[in-house]
Amino acid sequence: MRKILLVLLLCAISVSAVNFDVSIFPSERTIKANESAVFEIELSHNSPAEELFEVFSNDVTWDVQANKTLRVPANGVLKTVLSIRPLNLNSGAYNLPIIFKRAGAFEQVKKFI
C-alpha cells in the first residue's frame, strides 16, 4: 500500500513540475470604438509532451480570442496572434488581465495589457 501511495505522490509532483511562460508583444495598443487590437503571443513550456493551453480574461467586458488552438509541441514554443475587442466600453485607459492556463491543470500565468 505504501508503494502505491509513493508512486501516486511522485506522479502528482512530476505533473505539477511543468512550467510555462507567455510573452505578449506589444504590451500596449490603442483600440478605437468597434475595432479590435491584435497582439503577438509566444507560449513555451518545459514538458516532454505536447500541451494544450486556454486563454481568457476575467473581465467579461472584453472579447479575447486566439487565432488558432493553443497547442504547444513538447519542449516547444508556439507563436500566434491574440485579438482583443471591447464590448460596449466607454473611452478610457484599461489595464486588461489576460490569463493563460494549462488545460486540465491549475497552473496559470496572468499578463496585463
N, C-alpha and C. Protein backbone atom coordinates (compact mmCIF):
# COMPACT_ATOMS: atom_id res chain seq x y z
N MET A 1 0.82 -1.20 0.00
CA MET A 1 0.00 0.00 0.00
C MET A 1 0.86 1.26 0.00
N ARG A 2 1.95 1.24 0.76
CA ARG A 2 2.84 2.41 0.82
C ARG A 2 3.49 2.67 -0.54
N LYS A 3 3.82 1.61 -1.25
CA LYS A 3 4.44 1.76 -2.56
C LYS A 3 3.49 2.44 -3.53
N ILE A 4 2.22 2.06 -3.47
CA ILE A 4 1.22 2.68 -4.35
C ILE A 4 1.08 4.16 -4.03
N LEU A 5 1.02 4.50 -2.75
CA LEU A 5 0.91 5.91 -2.36
C LEU A 5 2.15 6.70 -2.79
N LEU A 6 3.32 6.09 -2.65
CA LEU A 6 4.55 6.75 -3.06
C LEU A 6 4.55 7.01 -4.57
N VAL A 7 4.12 6.04 -5.35
CA VAL A 7 4.06 6.20 -6.81
C VAL A 7 3.08 7.30 -7.18
N LEU A 8 1.90 7.33 -6.54
CA LEU A 8 0.92 8.38 -6.82
C LEU A 8 1.45 9.76 -6.45
N LEU A 9 2.14 9.85 -5.32
CA LEU A 9 2.73 11.12 -4.90
C LEU A 9 3.78 11.60 -5.90
N LEU A 10 4.63 10.69 -6.34
CA LEU A 10 5.66 11.06 -7.33
C LEU A 10 5.04 11.49 -8.65
N CYS A 11 3.96 10.84 -9.07
CA CYS A 11 3.27 11.23 -10.30
C CYS A 11 2.68 12.63 -10.16
N ALA A 12 2.08 12.90 -9.02
CA ALA A 12 1.49 14.23 -8.79
C ALA A 12 2.56 15.30 -8.81
N ILE A 13 3.71 15.02 -8.22
CA ILE A 13 4.80 16.01 -8.21
C ILE A 13 5.33 16.23 -9.62
N SER A 14 5.49 15.17 -10.39
CA SER A 14 6.03 15.32 -11.75
C SER A 14 5.07 16.07 -12.65
N VAL A 15 3.76 15.88 -12.47
CA VAL A 15 2.77 16.60 -13.28
C VAL A 15 2.79 18.08 -12.96
N SER A 16 2.93 18.43 -11.68
CA SER A 16 2.89 19.84 -11.30
C SER A 16 4.20 20.56 -11.58
N ALA A 17 5.22 19.85 -12.00
CA ALA A 17 6.52 20.47 -12.24
C ALA A 17 6.62 21.11 -13.62
N VAL A 18 5.58 21.06 -14.42
CA VAL A 18 5.61 21.66 -15.75
C VAL A 18 5.52 23.18 -15.60
N ASN A 19 6.48 23.88 -16.16
CA ASN A 19 6.48 25.34 -16.15
C ASN A 19 6.18 25.84 -17.54
N PHE A 20 5.48 26.99 -17.61
CA PHE A 20 5.29 27.59 -18.92
C PHE A 20 5.42 29.10 -18.79
N ASP A 21 5.69 29.72 -19.93
CA ASP A 21 5.92 31.16 -19.97
C ASP A 21 5.16 31.75 -21.15
N VAL A 22 4.72 32.99 -20.97
CA VAL A 22 3.97 33.69 -22.00
C VAL A 22 4.58 35.07 -22.21
N SER A 23 4.77 35.46 -23.45
CA SER A 23 5.20 36.82 -23.80
C SER A 23 4.16 37.41 -24.75
N ILE A 24 3.86 38.69 -24.54
CA ILE A 24 2.89 39.40 -25.39
C ILE A 24 3.57 40.63 -25.96
N PHE A 25 3.44 40.81 -27.29
CA PHE A 25 4.05 41.94 -27.98
C PHE A 25 3.02 42.70 -28.79
N PRO A 26 2.92 43.97 -28.77
CA PRO A 26 3.42 44.88 -27.74
C PRO A 26 2.54 44.78 -26.51
N SER A 27 2.94 45.39 -25.43
CA SER A 27 2.15 45.31 -24.20
C SER A 27 1.04 46.36 -24.17
N GLU A 28 1.09 47.33 -25.08
CA GLU A 28 0.07 48.38 -25.16
C GLU A 28 -0.40 48.56 -26.59
N ARG A 29 -1.68 48.86 -26.74
CA ARG A 29 -2.26 49.18 -28.04
C ARG A 29 -3.42 50.12 -27.83
N THR A 30 -3.68 50.94 -28.82
CA THR A 30 -4.87 51.78 -28.81
C THR A 30 -5.94 51.08 -29.63
N ILE A 31 -7.13 50.99 -29.04
CA ILE A 31 -8.24 50.34 -29.73
C ILE A 31 -9.34 51.38 -29.91
N LYS A 32 -9.75 51.60 -31.12
CA LYS A 32 -10.85 52.52 -31.38
C LYS A 32 -12.18 51.80 -31.19
N ALA A 33 -13.24 52.59 -31.02
CA ALA A 33 -14.57 52.01 -30.81
C ALA A 33 -14.91 51.06 -31.96
N ASN A 34 -15.50 49.93 -31.64
CA ASN A 34 -15.92 48.91 -32.60
C ASN A 34 -14.78 48.30 -33.40
N GLU A 35 -13.56 48.34 -32.85
CA GLU A 35 -12.42 47.72 -33.52
C GLU A 35 -11.74 46.74 -32.58
N SER A 36 -10.82 45.97 -33.11
CA SER A 36 -10.04 45.01 -32.32
C SER A 36 -8.58 45.39 -32.35
N ALA A 37 -7.87 44.96 -31.33
CA ALA A 37 -6.41 45.11 -31.31
C ALA A 37 -5.81 43.71 -31.45
N VAL A 38 -4.68 43.65 -32.12
CA VAL A 38 -4.02 42.38 -32.35
C VAL A 38 -2.66 42.40 -31.64
N PHE A 39 -2.39 41.33 -30.91
CA PHE A 39 -1.13 41.17 -30.19
C PHE A 39 -0.49 39.86 -30.62
N GLU A 40 0.82 39.84 -30.66
CA GLU A 40 1.55 38.60 -30.92
C GLU A 40 1.83 37.96 -29.58
N ILE A 41 1.59 36.66 -29.48
CA ILE A 41 1.92 35.95 -28.24
C ILE A 41 2.89 34.82 -28.54
N GLU A 42 3.70 34.54 -27.55
CA GLU A 42 4.65 33.44 -27.63
C GLU A 42 4.49 32.62 -26.36
N LEU A 43 4.15 31.36 -26.52
CA LEU A 43 3.86 30.46 -25.41
C LEU A 43 4.88 29.33 -25.44
N SER A 44 5.55 29.07 -24.31
CA SER A 44 6.53 27.99 -24.27
C SER A 44 6.38 27.21 -22.96
N HIS A 45 6.84 25.97 -22.96
CA HIS A 45 6.79 25.14 -21.76
C HIS A 45 7.94 24.14 -21.77
N ASN A 46 8.14 23.48 -20.61
CA ASN A 46 9.25 22.53 -20.48
C ASN A 46 8.78 21.08 -20.38
N SER A 47 7.56 20.80 -20.76
CA SER A 47 7.03 19.44 -20.66
C SER A 47 7.55 18.58 -21.81
N PRO A 48 7.81 17.29 -21.54
CA PRO A 48 8.24 16.40 -22.61
C PRO A 48 7.08 15.95 -23.51
N ALA A 49 5.88 16.44 -23.23
CA ALA A 49 4.70 16.09 -24.04
C ALA A 49 4.05 17.35 -24.57
N GLU A 50 3.29 17.21 -25.65
CA GLU A 50 2.53 18.34 -26.19
C GLU A 50 1.54 18.82 -25.12
N GLU A 51 1.35 20.14 -25.02
CA GLU A 51 0.44 20.72 -24.03
C GLU A 51 -0.58 21.62 -24.73
N LEU A 52 -1.79 21.63 -24.19
CA LEU A 52 -2.87 22.47 -24.69
C LEU A 52 -3.13 23.56 -23.66
N PHE A 53 -3.29 24.81 -24.12
CA PHE A 53 -3.50 25.94 -23.23
C PHE A 53 -4.80 26.66 -23.58
N GLU A 54 -5.34 27.36 -22.59
CA GLU A 54 -6.53 28.17 -22.76
C GLU A 54 -6.15 29.63 -22.52
N VAL A 55 -6.85 30.55 -23.18
CA VAL A 55 -6.63 31.97 -22.94
C VAL A 55 -7.98 32.63 -22.73
N PHE A 56 -8.05 33.52 -21.73
CA PHE A 56 -9.30 34.21 -21.43
C PHE A 56 -9.02 35.40 -20.53
N SER A 57 -10.05 36.17 -20.25
CA SER A 57 -9.96 37.27 -19.31
C SER A 57 -11.12 37.15 -18.33
N ASN A 58 -10.86 37.48 -17.08
CA ASN A 58 -11.94 37.51 -16.07
C ASN A 58 -12.87 38.69 -16.30
N ASP A 59 -12.41 39.67 -17.06
CA ASP A 59 -13.20 40.87 -17.35
C ASP A 59 -14.12 40.57 -18.52
N VAL A 60 -15.41 40.41 -18.24
CA VAL A 60 -16.37 39.99 -19.27
C VAL A 60 -16.72 41.11 -20.25
N THR A 61 -16.17 42.29 -20.07
CA THR A 61 -16.44 43.39 -21.00
C THR A 61 -15.46 43.39 -22.17
N TRP A 62 -14.66 42.33 -22.28
CA TRP A 62 -13.70 42.20 -23.38
C TRP A 62 -13.85 40.83 -24.03
N ASP A 63 -13.70 40.80 -25.34
CA ASP A 63 -13.68 39.55 -26.10
C ASP A 63 -12.22 39.23 -26.39
N VAL A 64 -11.74 38.08 -25.91
CA VAL A 64 -10.34 37.67 -26.07
C VAL A 64 -10.32 36.37 -26.84
N GLN A 65 -9.62 36.36 -27.99
CA GLN A 65 -9.58 35.16 -28.83
C GLN A 65 -8.21 34.99 -29.47
N ALA A 66 -7.72 33.75 -29.43
CA ALA A 66 -6.51 33.39 -30.18
C ALA A 66 -6.94 33.00 -31.58
N ASN A 67 -6.06 33.20 -32.57
CA ASN A 67 -6.45 32.88 -33.94
C ASN A 67 -6.35 31.39 -34.26
N LYS A 68 -5.80 30.59 -33.32
CA LYS A 68 -5.76 29.14 -33.50
C LYS A 68 -5.67 28.48 -32.13
N THR A 69 -5.86 27.17 -32.10
CA THR A 69 -5.77 26.41 -30.85
C THR A 69 -4.38 26.55 -30.28
N LEU A 70 -4.30 26.77 -28.98
CA LEU A 70 -3.01 26.96 -28.32
C LEU A 70 -2.42 25.60 -27.94
N ARG A 71 -1.95 24.89 -28.95
CA ARG A 71 -1.35 23.56 -28.79
C ARG A 71 0.16 23.72 -29.00
N VAL A 72 0.91 23.55 -27.90
CA VAL A 72 2.35 23.77 -27.93
C VAL A 72 3.07 22.43 -27.96
N PRO A 73 3.97 22.23 -28.92
CA PRO A 73 4.68 20.94 -29.01
C PRO A 73 5.57 20.70 -27.79
N ALA A 74 5.99 19.45 -27.61
CA ALA A 74 6.85 19.07 -26.49
C ALA A 74 8.08 19.96 -26.42
N ASN A 75 8.36 20.49 -25.24
CA ASN A 75 9.51 21.39 -25.02
C ASN A 75 9.58 22.47 -26.08
N GLY A 76 8.44 22.93 -26.56
CA GLY A 76 8.42 23.83 -27.69
C GLY A 76 7.88 25.20 -27.42
N VAL A 77 7.73 25.93 -28.52
CA VAL A 77 7.25 27.31 -28.50
C VAL A 77 6.16 27.44 -29.56
N LEU A 78 5.11 28.16 -29.21
CA LEU A 78 4.04 28.46 -30.14
C LEU A 78 3.95 29.97 -30.28
N LYS A 79 3.97 30.45 -31.52
CA LYS A 79 3.78 31.87 -31.79
C LYS A 79 2.46 32.01 -32.54
N THR A 80 1.61 32.90 -32.05
CA THR A 80 0.32 33.09 -32.69
C THR A 80 -0.17 34.51 -32.40
N VAL A 81 -1.40 34.78 -32.81
CA VAL A 81 -1.99 36.12 -32.68
C VAL A 81 -3.17 36.06 -31.72
N LEU A 82 -3.28 37.09 -30.90
CA LEU A 82 -4.37 37.24 -29.94
C LEU A 82 -5.14 38.49 -30.30
N SER A 83 -6.47 38.36 -30.47
CA SER A 83 -7.32 39.51 -30.79
C SER A 83 -8.11 39.89 -29.55
N ILE A 84 -8.13 41.20 -29.28
CA ILE A 84 -8.84 41.76 -28.13
C ILE A 84 -9.84 42.77 -28.67
N ARG A 85 -11.12 42.63 -28.23
CA ARG A 85 -12.15 43.55 -28.69
C ARG A 85 -13.00 43.98 -27.50
N PRO A 86 -13.17 45.30 -27.32
CA PRO A 86 -14.02 45.76 -26.22
C PRO A 86 -15.49 45.52 -26.54
N LEU A 87 -16.26 45.23 -25.50
CA LEU A 87 -17.70 45.00 -25.64
C LEU A 87 -18.44 46.11 -24.88
N ASN A 88 -18.87 47.14 -25.61
CA ASN A 88 -19.65 48.23 -25.02
C ASN A 88 -18.94 48.93 -23.85
N LEU A 89 -17.74 49.41 -24.10
CA LEU A 89 -17.00 50.13 -23.07
C LEU A 89 -16.95 51.62 -23.38
N ASN A 90 -16.80 52.42 -22.35
CA ASN A 90 -16.56 53.85 -22.53
C ASN A 90 -15.10 54.07 -22.87
N SER A 91 -14.81 55.18 -23.53
CA SER A 91 -13.43 55.52 -23.85
C SER A 91 -12.63 55.67 -22.57
N GLY A 92 -11.37 55.31 -22.62
CA GLY A 92 -10.51 55.44 -21.46
C GLY A 92 -9.35 54.46 -21.53
N ALA A 93 -8.50 54.50 -20.52
CA ALA A 93 -7.36 53.60 -20.42
C ALA A 93 -7.76 52.40 -19.57
N TYR A 94 -7.42 51.21 -20.02
CA TYR A 94 -7.78 49.99 -19.31
C TYR A 94 -6.53 49.14 -19.11
N ASN A 95 -6.48 48.46 -17.99
CA ASN A 95 -5.43 47.50 -17.68
C ASN A 95 -6.10 46.13 -17.67
N LEU A 96 -6.05 45.45 -18.80
CA LEU A 96 -6.81 44.22 -19.01
C LEU A 96 -6.01 42.99 -18.61
N PRO A 97 -6.52 42.17 -17.66
CA PRO A 97 -5.82 40.93 -17.31
C PRO A 97 -6.14 39.83 -18.32
N ILE A 98 -5.11 39.23 -18.87
CA ILE A 98 -5.24 38.10 -19.79
C ILE A 98 -4.66 36.89 -19.08
N ILE A 99 -5.43 35.81 -19.00
CA ILE A 99 -5.00 34.62 -18.27
C ILE A 99 -4.75 33.48 -19.24
N PHE A 100 -3.58 32.88 -19.11
CA PHE A 100 -3.20 31.71 -19.89
C PHE A 100 -3.15 30.55 -18.90
N LYS A 101 -3.87 29.47 -19.23
CA LYS A 101 -3.99 28.34 -18.31
C LYS A 101 -3.69 27.05 -19.06
N ARG A 102 -2.93 26.19 -18.42
CA ARG A 102 -2.68 24.87 -19.00
C ARG A 102 -3.94 24.05 -18.84
N ALA A 103 -4.46 23.50 -19.94
CA ALA A 103 -5.72 22.75 -19.93
C ALA A 103 -5.62 21.56 -18.97
N GLY A 104 -6.66 21.40 -18.14
CA GLY A 104 -6.71 20.29 -17.22
C GLY A 104 -5.82 20.44 -16.00
N ALA A 105 -5.30 21.63 -15.76
CA ALA A 105 -4.40 21.86 -14.62
C ALA A 105 -4.75 23.20 -13.97
N PHE A 106 -4.13 23.44 -12.85
CA PHE A 106 -4.38 24.69 -12.13
C PHE A 106 -3.36 25.78 -12.46
N GLU A 107 -2.25 25.42 -13.09
CA GLU A 107 -1.22 26.40 -13.39
C GLU A 107 -1.76 27.44 -14.37
N GLN A 108 -1.48 28.69 -14.05
CA GLN A 108 -1.87 29.77 -14.96
C GLN A 108 -0.88 30.91 -14.84
N VAL A 109 -0.81 31.69 -15.91
CA VAL A 109 0.02 32.89 -15.95
C VAL A 109 -0.91 34.04 -16.31
N LYS A 110 -0.81 35.12 -15.54
CA LYS A 110 -1.64 36.30 -15.79
C LYS A 110 -0.74 37.42 -16.31
N LYS A 111 -1.12 37.96 -17.45
CA LYS A 111 -0.42 39.10 -18.05
C LYS A 111 -1.41 40.25 -18.17
N PHE A 112 -0.90 41.47 -18.09
CA PHE A 112 -1.74 42.66 -18.23
C PHE A 112 -1.36 43.40 -19.50
N ILE A 113 -2.39 43.79 -20.27
CA ILE A 113 -2.16 44.60 -21.46
C ILE A 113 -3.02 45.84 -21.37
